[in-house]
Amino acid sequence: MKMKLFFMSNLEKRKRANLQSLEDEVNAWLEQNPNINVVKIKQSASGGSFNPTSLSISVWYSTNS
């Protein structure tokens, strides 16, 4: 099994545009890798009062070999 990590920080500035950009990145990667089987997807966010919000998406997958 393999894992691909997508990460974005400073989501506070233009949050909607940044989230769309991250979504586009994930979708482009999936389109470029049609021979994978996605096993699991996890999302995590961090940040707080003094730190900007960061978002990570991890995609665990296997290949169709």
C-alpha atoms as a PDB file:
ATOM      1  CA  MET A   1       0.000   0.000   0.000  1.00  0.00           C
ATOM      2  CA  LYS A   2       1.150   3.528  -0.777  1.00  0.00           C
ATOM      3  CA  MET A   3       0.121   6.960   0.454  1.00  0.00           C
ATOM      4  CA  LYS A   4      -0.132  10.365  -1.222  1.00  0.00           C
ATOM      5  CA  LEU A   5      -0.287  13.473   0.974  1.00  0.00           C
ATOM      6  CA  PHE A   6      -1.867  16.762  -0.067  1.00  0.00           C
ATOM      7  CA  PHE A   7      -1.215  19.782   2.155  1.00  0.00           C
ATOM      8  CA  MET A   8      -2.245  23.414   2.236  1.00  0.00           C
ATOM      9  CA  SER A   9      -1.510  26.073   4.833  1.00  0.00           C
ATOM     10  CA  ASN A  10      -2.716  29.632   5.398  1.00  0.00           C
ATOM     11  CA  LEU A  11      -6.312  28.799   4.539  1.00  0.00           C
ATOM     12  CA  GLU A  12      -7.592  31.960   6.216  1.00  0.00           C
ATOM     13  CA  LYS A  13      -6.762  34.100   3.196  1.00  0.00           C
ATOM     14  CA  ARG A  14      -9.351  33.488   0.485  1.00  0.00           C
ATOM     15  CA  LYS A  15     -10.466  30.238   2.100  1.00  0.00           C
ATOM     16  CA  ARG A  16     -12.926  29.254  -0.650  1.00  0.00           C
ATOM     17  CA  ALA A  17     -10.365  29.732  -3.438  1.00  0.00           C
ATOM     18  CA  ASN A  18      -7.727  27.823  -1.470  1.00  0.00           C
ATOM     19  CA  LEU A  19     -10.069  24.908  -0.781  1.00  0.00           C
ATOM     20  CA  GLN A  20     -11.043  24.772  -4.462  1.00  0.00           C
ATOM     21  CA  SER A  21      -7.350  24.736  -5.376  1.00  0.00           C
ATOM     22  CA  LEU A  22      -6.713  21.792  -3.046  1.00  0.00           C
ATOM     23  CA  GLU A  23      -9.758  19.954  -4.391  1.00  0.00           C
ATOM     24  CA  ASP A  24      -8.523  20.525  -7.958  1.00  0.00           C
ATOM     25  CA  GLU A  25      -5.087  19.159  -7.005  1.00  0.00           C
ATOM     26  CA  VAL A  26      -6.574  15.966  -5.536  1.00  0.00           C
ATOM     27  CA  ASN A  27      -8.896  15.447  -8.509  1.00  0.00           C
ATOM     28  CA  ALA A  28      -6.084  16.035 -11.021  1.00  0.00           C
ATOM     29  CA  TRP A  29      -3.893  13.472  -9.256  1.00  0.00           C
ATOM     30  CA  LEU A  30      -6.728  10.923  -9.277  1.00  0.00           C
ATOM     31  CA  GLU A  31      -7.328  11.536 -13.006  1.00  0.00           C
ATOM     32  CA  GLN A  32      -3.602  11.121 -13.733  1.00  0.00           C
ATOM     33  CA  ASN A  33      -3.543   7.789 -11.870  1.00  0.00           C
ATOM     34  CA  PRO A  34      -6.460   5.739 -13.208  1.00  0.00           C
ATOM     35  CA  ASN A  35      -4.775   2.438 -12.299  1.00  0.00           C
ATOM     36  CA  ILE A  36      -4.994   2.836  -8.545  1.00  0.00           C
ATOM     37  CA  ASN A  37      -7.476   1.552  -6.010  1.00  0.00           C
ATOM     38  CA  VAL A  38      -8.175   4.095  -3.294  1.00  0.00           C
ATOM     39  CA  VAL A  39      -8.269   2.243   0.017  1.00  0.00           C
ATOM     40  CA  LYS A  40      -8.739   5.074   2.508  1.00  0.00           C
ATOM     41  CA  ILE A  41      -8.903   8.871   2.636  1.00  0.00           C
ATOM     42  CA  LYS A  42      -8.311  10.891   5.807  1.00  0.00           C
ATOM     43  CA  GLN A  43      -8.462  14.642   6.347  1.00  0.00           C
ATOM     44  CA  SER A  44      -6.927  16.623   9.171  1.00  0.00           C
ATOM     45  CA  ALA A  45      -6.938  20.316  10.043  1.00  0.00           C
ATOM     46  CA  SER A  46      -4.763  22.202  12.495  1.00  0.00           C
ATOM     47  CA  GLY A  47      -4.318  25.762  13.599  1.00  0.00           C
ATOM     48  CA  GLY A  48      -5.871  27.975  16.170  1.00  0.00           C
ATOM     49  CA  SER A  49      -6.014  31.427  17.603  1.00  0.00           C
ATOM     50  CA  PHE A  50      -2.350  32.201  16.938  1.00  0.00           C
ATOM     51  CA  ASN A  51      -1.566  29.908  13.999  1.00  0.00           C
ATOM     52  CA  PRO A  52      -3.087  29.899  10.510  1.00  0.00           C
ATOM     53  CA  THR A  53      -5.249  26.952   9.548  1.00  0.00           C
ATOM     54  CA  SER A  54      -3.547  24.082   7.727  1.00  0.00           C
ATOM     55  CA  LEU A  55      -5.299  21.204   6.020  1.00  0.00           C
ATOM     56  CA  SER A  56      -3.914  17.831   4.987  1.00  0.00           C
ATOM     57  CA  ILE A  57      -5.539  15.050   3.021  1.00  0.00           C
ATOM     58  CA  SER A  58      -3.936  11.618   2.915  1.00  0.00           C
ATOM     59  CA  VAL A  59      -4.953   9.082   0.304  1.00  0.00           C
ATOM     60  CA  TRP A  60      -3.940   5.461   0.859  1.00  0.00           C
ATOM     61  CA  TYR A  61      -4.008   3.394  -2.301  1.00  0.00           C
ATOM     62  CA  SER A  62      -2.824   0.244  -4.012  1.00  0.00           C
ATOM     63  CA  THR A  63      -1.805  -0.136  -7.644  1.00  0.00           C
ATOM     64  CA  ASN A  64      -3.373  -2.398 -10.231  1.00  0.00           C
ATOM     65  CA  SER A  65      -0.276  -4.257 -11.324  1.00  0.00           C
END
